[in-house]
């Protein structure tokens, strides 16, 4: 019996850092938009090039395993060297890769991460076989777990998430769902088959607006909770995080720390929040654990490099907890 099975994408991530980029800010009626720009017709030298594994399913699986949970991962890729690297990494992290689907005709996802002057990132993402996971390829008899963690999948794979959500409901398995802008743009009706079966729904404020069309955080939380989740978590970068269980609104602001690169911080936060709920059933603790791990990740390059072990996270929480405010919804 697993504590959690993560379901989502897997990729090879390539981090490319160069001095020859410019950050361009454009202001219009929609607000500020930042663009990462490179000169055309030029050969641009790369200062640093780093290859790691990534993707929502593998990032969260490793985070959960390091926090002491028994974890398996469901994702789909090719059968060549790239997926072999993903599997080797998961095994080293004590994540069971036996549920991964490797297709001879498929291709493993691949991402190129371009660093910006403000340490945010632009990602060039090739989805490969991540969008072609079939429910029939998984083998329902192997899905013995207490929780599913769903990250974003598109196309045929999203239909598989819907089937897994129904399977989870039937088997008494709880589901955490971390959506993305891709899915949020499609609106609440598109997501309803998963959301009405979701225990914990995690998303950022921009995604929450796309789903609810609300800007006030309490109205956002109320509308999202009405869609079915028991707990809603709304993140907002360096701004406060809000959590509600339909009774209380919890809010907490991140510490002021030096940010090196933000890839994987959302996965670290979401998976660690789930781990906190699994371990103690307590939103306060889940928020503390989520901040500790996400803030560790953003101080280094790579989505997995500085994910914390459980005792490391507890020490950080003890030394430097975030302040959590509470008010009624």
Protein backbone atom coordinates (compact mmCIF):
# COMPACT_ATOMS: atom_id res chain seq x y z
CA UNK A 1 0.00 0.00 0.00
CA UNK A 2 1.40 3.36 -1.06
CA UNK A 3 0.84 6.58 0.83
CA UNK A 4 0.67 8.51 -2.45
CA UNK A 5 0.74 7.77 -6.16
CA UNK A 6 1.65 10.86 -8.18
CA UNK A 7 0.21 11.18 -11.69
CA UNK A 8 1.49 13.67 -14.24
CA UNK A 9 4.33 14.58 -16.53
CA UNK A 10 7.98 13.55 -16.62
CA UNK A 11 10.70 15.44 -18.46
CA UNK A 12 14.37 15.93 -18.99
CA UNK A 13 15.04 19.54 -17.96
CA UNK A 14 17.87 21.58 -19.43
CA UNK A 15 18.76 24.79 -17.57
CA UNK A 16 20.46 27.33 -19.83
CA UNK A 17 21.93 30.49 -18.30
CA UNK A 18 23.34 33.35 -20.36
CA UNK A 19 24.19 37.03 -19.83
CA UNK A 20 22.89 37.94 -23.27
CA UNK A 21 19.22 38.34 -22.42
CA UNK A 22 17.11 41.35 -21.58
CA UNK A 23 13.96 41.64 -19.51
CA UNK A 24 11.33 43.77 -21.24
CA UNK A 25 8.30 45.01 -19.33
CA UNK A 26 5.12 45.93 -21.19
CA UNK A 27 2.26 47.75 -19.48
CA UNK A 28 -1.24 47.68 -20.96
CA UNK A 29 -4.87 47.51 -19.84
CA UNK A 30 -4.29 43.99 -18.51
CA UNK A 31 -1.39 45.08 -16.31
CA UNK A 32 2.33 44.31 -16.52
CA UNK A 33 3.76 41.54 -18.67
CA UNK A 34 7.44 40.58 -18.60
CA UNK A 35 9.24 39.23 -21.67
CA UNK A 36 12.63 37.57 -21.87
CA UNK A 37 14.36 38.84 -25.03
CA UNK A 38 17.39 37.69 -27.00
CA UNK A 39 19.05 39.47 -29.95
CA UNK A 40 18.12 38.00 -33.33
CA UNK A 41 20.71 36.75 -35.79
CA UNK A 42 23.25 36.14 -33.04
CA UNK A 43 25.06 33.16 -31.63
CA UNK A 44 24.54 33.39 -27.89
CA UNK A 45 27.03 31.84 -25.51
CA UNK A 46 25.64 29.79 -22.62
CA UNK A 47 27.45 30.29 -19.32
CA UNK A 48 25.94 27.33 -17.50
CA UNK A 49 24.17 24.22 -18.80
CA UNK A 50 22.62 21.75 -16.38
CA UNK A 51 20.62 18.58 -17.13
CA UNK A 52 18.13 17.28 -14.54
CA UNK A 53 14.86 15.37 -14.47
CA UNK A 54 11.57 17.23 -13.99
CA UNK A 55 7.86 17.18 -14.59
CA UNK A 56 4.99 17.40 -12.12
CA UNK A 57 4.77 13.67 -11.41
CA UNK A 58 8.47 13.12 -10.72
CA UNK A 59 9.10 16.38 -8.84
CA UNK A 60 6.28 15.72 -6.42
CA UNK A 61 7.10 12.02 -6.07
CA UNK A 62 10.66 12.84 -4.98
CA UNK A 63 9.44 15.58 -2.60
CA UNK A 64 6.98 13.21 -0.94
CA UNK A 65 9.51 10.37 -0.71
CA UNK A 66 12.14 12.60 0.91
CA UNK A 67 9.52 13.59 3.48
CA UNK A 68 9.23 9.93 4.47
CA UNK A 69 6.20 8.72 2.53
CA UNK A 70 5.89 5.54 0.45
CA UNK A 71 5.42 6.78 -3.12
CA UNK A 72 4.91 5.52 -6.66
CA UNK A 73 4.76 7.53 -9.86
CA UNK A 74 2.55 7.25 -12.96
CA UNK A 75 3.75 8.99 -16.11
CA UNK A 76 4.29 8.12 -19.78
CA UNK A 77 7.36 8.56 -21.94
CA UNK A 78 9.57 6.84 -24.46
CA UNK A 79 11.73 3.77 -24.00
CA UNK A 80 15.12 5.34 -24.66
CA UNK A 81 17.90 6.94 -22.66
CA UNK A 82 15.88 9.94 -21.45
CA UNK A 83 13.20 7.88 -19.72
CA UNK A 84 15.87 5.52 -18.41
CA UNK A 85 17.46 8.53 -16.72
CA UNK A 86 14.12 9.54 -15.19
CA UNK A 87 13.59 6.02 -13.83
CA UNK A 88 17.13 5.78 -12.42
CA UNK A 89 16.64 9.05 -10.57
CA UNK A 90 13.32 7.93 -9.10
CA UNK A 91 14.85 4.66 -7.89
CA UNK A 92 17.68 6.55 -6.18
CA UNK A 93 15.02 8.59 -4.36
CA UNK A 94 13.09 5.49 -3.21
CA UNK A 95 10.17 6.18 -5.55
CA UNK A 96 8.62 3.06 -7.12
CA UNK A 97 8.73 3.49 -10.94
CA UNK A 98 6.95 0.23 -11.73
CA UNK A 99 3.73 2.03 -12.78
CA UNK A 100 5.49 4.19 -15.39
CA UNK A 101 4.41 3.54 -19.00
CA UNK A 102 7.32 3.35 -21.48
CA UNK A 103 6.28 3.30 -25.13
CA UNK A 104 8.59 2.24 -27.96
CA UNK A 105 6.73 4.65 -30.25
CA UNK A 106 6.62 7.40 -27.66
CA UNK A 107 8.97 10.21 -26.69
CA UNK A 108 9.91 11.45 -23.25
CA UNK A 109 9.05 15.06 -22.40
CA UNK A 110 11.81 17.65 -22.69
CA UNK A 111 12.05 21.19 -21.32
CA UNK A 112 14.52 24.00 -21.88
CA UNK A 113 14.52 26.47 -18.99
CA UNK A 114 15.77 29.96 -19.79
CA UNK A 115 16.88 31.98 -16.79
CA UNK A 116 15.85 35.64 -16.54
CA UNK A 117 17.46 38.66 -14.92
CA UNK A 118 14.91 38.54 -12.09
CA UNK A 119 15.41 34.81 -11.52
CA UNK A 120 12.04 33.80 -12.82
CA UNK A 121 12.08 31.53 -15.85
CA UNK A 122 10.72 30.91 -19.30
CA UNK A 123 10.23 27.25 -20.19
CA UNK A 124 10.18 25.77 -23.69
CA UNK A 125 8.22 22.58 -23.13
CA UNK A 126 7.96 19.55 -25.40
CA UNK A 127 5.23 17.32 -23.97
CA UNK A 128 6.06 14.15 -25.91
CA UNK A 129 4.06 11.17 -24.67
CA UNK A 130 2.93 12.96 -21.50
CA UNK A 131 -0.36 13.80 -23.21
CA UNK A 132 -1.06 10.23 -24.37
CA UNK A 133 -1.49 8.24 -21.17
CA UNK A 134 -4.39 5.78 -21.40
CA UNK A 135 -6.25 4.45 -18.36
CA UNK A 136 -5.94 0.94 -19.81
CA UNK A 137 -2.14 1.25 -19.71
CA UNK A 138 -2.04 1.77 -15.96
CA UNK A 139 -3.52 -1.43 -14.58
CA UNK A 140 -6.11 -0.53 -11.91
CA UNK A 141 -5.29 -3.60 -9.80
CA UNK A 142 -1.90 -2.07 -9.00
CA UNK A 143 -3.36 1.19 -7.67
CA UNK A 144 -3.33 0.40 -3.97
CA UNK A 145 -2.83 3.77 -2.31
CA UNK A 146 -4.27 6.15 0.26
CA UNK A 147 -3.87 9.24 -1.93
CA UNK A 148 -3.50 10.27 -5.55
CA UNK A 149 -1.67 13.47 -6.40
CA UNK A 150 -2.70 14.80 -9.83
CA UNK A 151 -0.55 17.35 -11.64
CA UNK A 152 -1.52 18.82 -15.00
CA UNK A 153 -1.98 16.52 -17.98
CA UNK A 154 -3.59 17.43 -21.28
CA UNK A 155 -5.37 15.68 -24.14
CA UNK A 156 -5.98 11.96 -23.73
CA UNK A 157 -4.09 12.02 -20.43
CA UNK A 158 -6.59 14.46 -18.91
CA UNK A 159 -9.38 11.98 -19.65
CA UNK A 160 -7.29 9.41 -17.80
CA UNK A 161 -7.15 11.75 -14.79
CA UNK A 162 -10.95 11.95 -14.86
CA UNK A 163 -11.16 8.15 -14.88
CA UNK A 164 -8.66 7.92 -12.04
CA UNK A 165 -10.72 10.42 -10.02
CA UNK A 166 -13.81 8.24 -10.44
CA UNK A 167 -11.76 5.15 -9.57
CA UNK A 168 -10.46 6.91 -6.45
CA UNK A 169 -13.97 7.84 -5.33
CA UNK A 170 -15.12 4.25 -5.76
CA UNK A 171 -12.15 2.84 -3.83
CA UNK A 172 -12.13 5.44 -1.04
CA UNK A 173 -8.83 6.96 -2.18
CA UNK A 174 -8.35 10.68 -1.52
CA UNK A 175 -7.17 13.01 -4.30
CA UNK A 176 -5.03 16.15 -4.31
CA UNK A 177 -5.10 18.15 -7.55
CA UNK A 178 -2.58 20.80 -8.60
CA UNK A 179 -3.83 22.45 -11.77
CA UNK A 180 -2.07 24.79 -14.22
CA UNK A 181 -2.94 27.72 -16.44
CA UNK A 182 -3.51 25.34 -19.37
CA UNK A 183 -6.42 23.68 -17.56
CA UNK A 184 -7.64 26.72 -15.63
CA UNK A 185 -8.28 28.54 -18.92
CA UNK A 186 -10.81 25.85 -19.81
CA UNK A 187 -12.99 26.83 -16.88
CA UNK A 188 -14.77 25.09 -14.01
CA UNK A 189 -17.10 23.02 -16.18
CA UNK A 190 -14.15 21.35 -17.87
CA UNK A 191 -12.60 20.50 -14.49
CA UNK A 192 -15.79 19.48 -12.68
CA UNK A 193 -15.34 15.69 -12.95
CA UNK A 194 -12.09 15.96 -11.01
CA UNK A 195 -12.89 18.87 -8.69
CA UNK A 196 -16.04 17.32 -7.26
CA UNK A 197 -13.91 14.33 -6.22
CA UNK A 198 -10.96 16.34 -4.90
CA UNK A 199 -9.92 16.59 -1.26
CA UNK A 200 -7.19 19.25 -1.71
CA UNK A 201 -7.09 21.69 -4.64
CA UNK A 202 -3.90 23.70 -5.11
CA UNK A 203 -3.39 26.48 -7.66
CA UNK A 204 -1.95 29.97 -8.00
CA UNK A 205 -3.92 33.20 -7.92
CA UNK A 206 -3.83 33.75 -11.70
CA UNK A 207 -5.24 30.25 -12.25
CA UNK A 208 -7.86 30.87 -9.56
CA UNK A 209 -8.98 34.02 -11.39
CA UNK A 210 -9.32 32.13 -14.67
CA UNK A 211 -11.63 29.63 -12.97
CA UNK A 212 -13.68 31.98 -10.76
CA UNK A 213 -13.39 35.39 -12.50
CA UNK A 214 -13.00 36.85 -9.00
CA UNK A 215 -10.16 39.01 -7.66
CA UNK A 216 -11.15 39.16 -3.98
CA UNK A 217 -9.45 36.26 -2.21
CA UNK A 218 -12.43 35.34 -0.03
CA UNK A 219 -14.73 35.21 -3.03
CA UNK A 220 -12.14 33.12 -4.88
CA UNK A 221 -11.97 30.64 -2.01
CA UNK A 222 -15.76 30.44 -1.65
CA UNK A 223 -16.28 29.76 -5.36
CA UNK A 224 -13.54 27.15 -5.53
CA UNK A 225 -14.85 25.34 -2.44
CA UNK A 226 -18.33 25.22 -3.98
CA UNK A 227 -16.85 23.22 -6.87
CA UNK A 228 -16.20 20.31 -4.51
CA UNK A 229 -12.76 20.41 -2.84
CA UNK A 230 -12.60 20.14 0.95
CA UNK A 231 -9.47 22.30 1.18
CA UNK A 232 -8.34 25.00 -1.28
CA UNK A 233 -4.81 26.42 -1.40
CA UNK A 234 -4.08 29.58 -3.44
CA UNK A 235 -0.44 30.63 -3.89
CA UNK A 236 0.78 33.96 -5.29
CA UNK A 237 4.56 33.97 -5.69
CA UNK A 238 6.18 36.31 -3.17
CA UNK A 239 2.75 37.40 -1.90
CA UNK A 240 0.74 35.65 0.84
CA UNK A 241 -0.63 32.13 0.45
CA UNK A 242 -4.28 31.56 1.36
CA UNK A 243 -5.86 28.30 2.50
CA UNK A 244 -9.45 27.55 3.45
CA UNK A 245 -11.44 24.52 4.61
CA UNK A 246 -14.82 26.29 4.18
CA UNK A 247 -14.69 27.58 7.75
CA UNK A 248 -11.38 29.36 8.32
CA UNK A 249 -9.08 31.33 6.03
CA UNK A 250 -5.40 30.74 6.79
CA UNK A 251 -2.86 33.19 5.36
CA UNK A 252 0.93 33.30 5.50
CA UNK A 253 3.64 35.33 3.76
CA UNK A 254 6.93 33.84 2.57
CA UNK A 255 10.24 34.81 4.14
CA UNK A 256 12.41 37.36 2.37
CA UNK A 257 15.19 35.23 0.93
CA UNK A 258 17.53 35.32 -2.05
CA UNK A 259 15.82 33.66 -5.02
CA UNK A 260 18.11 31.86 -7.47
CA UNK A 261 15.54 30.12 -9.67
CA UNK A 262 11.86 29.23 -9.21
CA UNK A 263 11.42 26.05 -11.27
CA UNK A 264 9.78 23.36 -9.13
CA UNK A 265 8.82 25.65 -6.26
CA UNK A 266 5.12 25.16 -6.94
CA UNK A 267 5.51 21.38 -7.00
CA UNK A 268 7.51 21.52 -3.76
CA UNK A 269 4.88 23.65 -2.04
CA UNK A 270 1.91 21.57 -3.18
CA UNK A 271 3.40 18.17 -2.45
CA UNK A 272 4.72 19.27 0.94
CA UNK A 273 1.32 20.68 1.88
CA UNK A 274 -0.17 17.27 1.09
CA UNK A 275 2.56 15.55 3.12
CA UNK A 276 1.74 17.79 6.08
CA UNK A 277 -1.93 16.85 5.88
CA UNK A 278 -1.07 13.14 5.62
CA UNK A 279 1.34 13.23 8.55
CA UNK A 280 -0.60 15.39 11.01
CA UNK A 281 -4.01 16.22 9.47
CA UNK A 282 -3.31 19.82 10.37
CA UNK A 283 -3.47 22.82 8.01
CA UNK A 284 -1.11 24.91 10.17
CA UNK A 285 1.59 22.26 9.98
CA UNK A 286 0.95 21.63 6.28
CA UNK A 287 1.50 25.33 5.53
CA UNK A 288 4.75 25.38 7.54
CA UNK A 289 6.06 22.26 5.78
CA UNK A 290 5.11 23.62 2.37
CA UNK A 291 6.93 26.91 2.92
CA UNK A 292 10.04 25.21 4.28
CA UNK A 293 10.43 22.99 1.22
CA UNK A 294 9.46 25.56 -1.44
CA UNK A 295 11.83 28.16 0.03
CA UNK A 296 14.63 25.61 0.04
CA UNK A 297 14.10 24.82 -3.65
CA UNK A 298 14.10 28.42 -4.90
CA UNK A 299 17.52 29.10 -3.41
CA UNK A 300 19.16 26.70 -5.90
CA UNK A 301 18.94 25.63 -9.53
CA UNK A 302 16.78 22.58 -10.32
CA UNK A 303 13.38 21.38 -9.19
CA UNK A 304 14.70 18.54 -6.99
CA UNK A 305 18.21 19.47 -5.91
CA UNK A 306 17.35 20.95 -2.53
CA UNK A 307 14.12 19.20 -1.62
CA UNK A 308 14.23 18.57 2.12
CA UNK A 309 14.11 15.41 4.15
CA UNK A 310 11.48 15.38 6.87
CA UNK A 311 13.85 16.04 9.79
CA UNK A 312 15.54 18.86 7.87
CA UNK A 313 12.16 20.47 7.27
CA UNK A 314 11.20 20.12 10.93
CA UNK A 315 14.40 21.86 11.98
CA UNK A 316 13.75 24.75 9.61
CA UNK A 317 10.16 25.08 10.85
CA UNK A 318 11.38 25.11 14.45
CA UNK A 319 14.04 27.76 13.79
CA UNK A 320 12.17 29.99 11.38
CA UNK A 321 8.42 29.33 11.10
CA UNK A 322 6.15 31.46 8.96
CA UNK A 323 3.49 33.47 10.76
CA UNK A 324 0.02 32.13 10.05
CA UNK A 325 -3.02 34.38 10.41
CA UNK A 326 -6.56 33.07 10.70
CA UNK A 327 -10.00 34.54 10.14
CA UNK A 328 -13.43 33.15 9.40
CA UNK A 329 -14.48 32.67 5.79
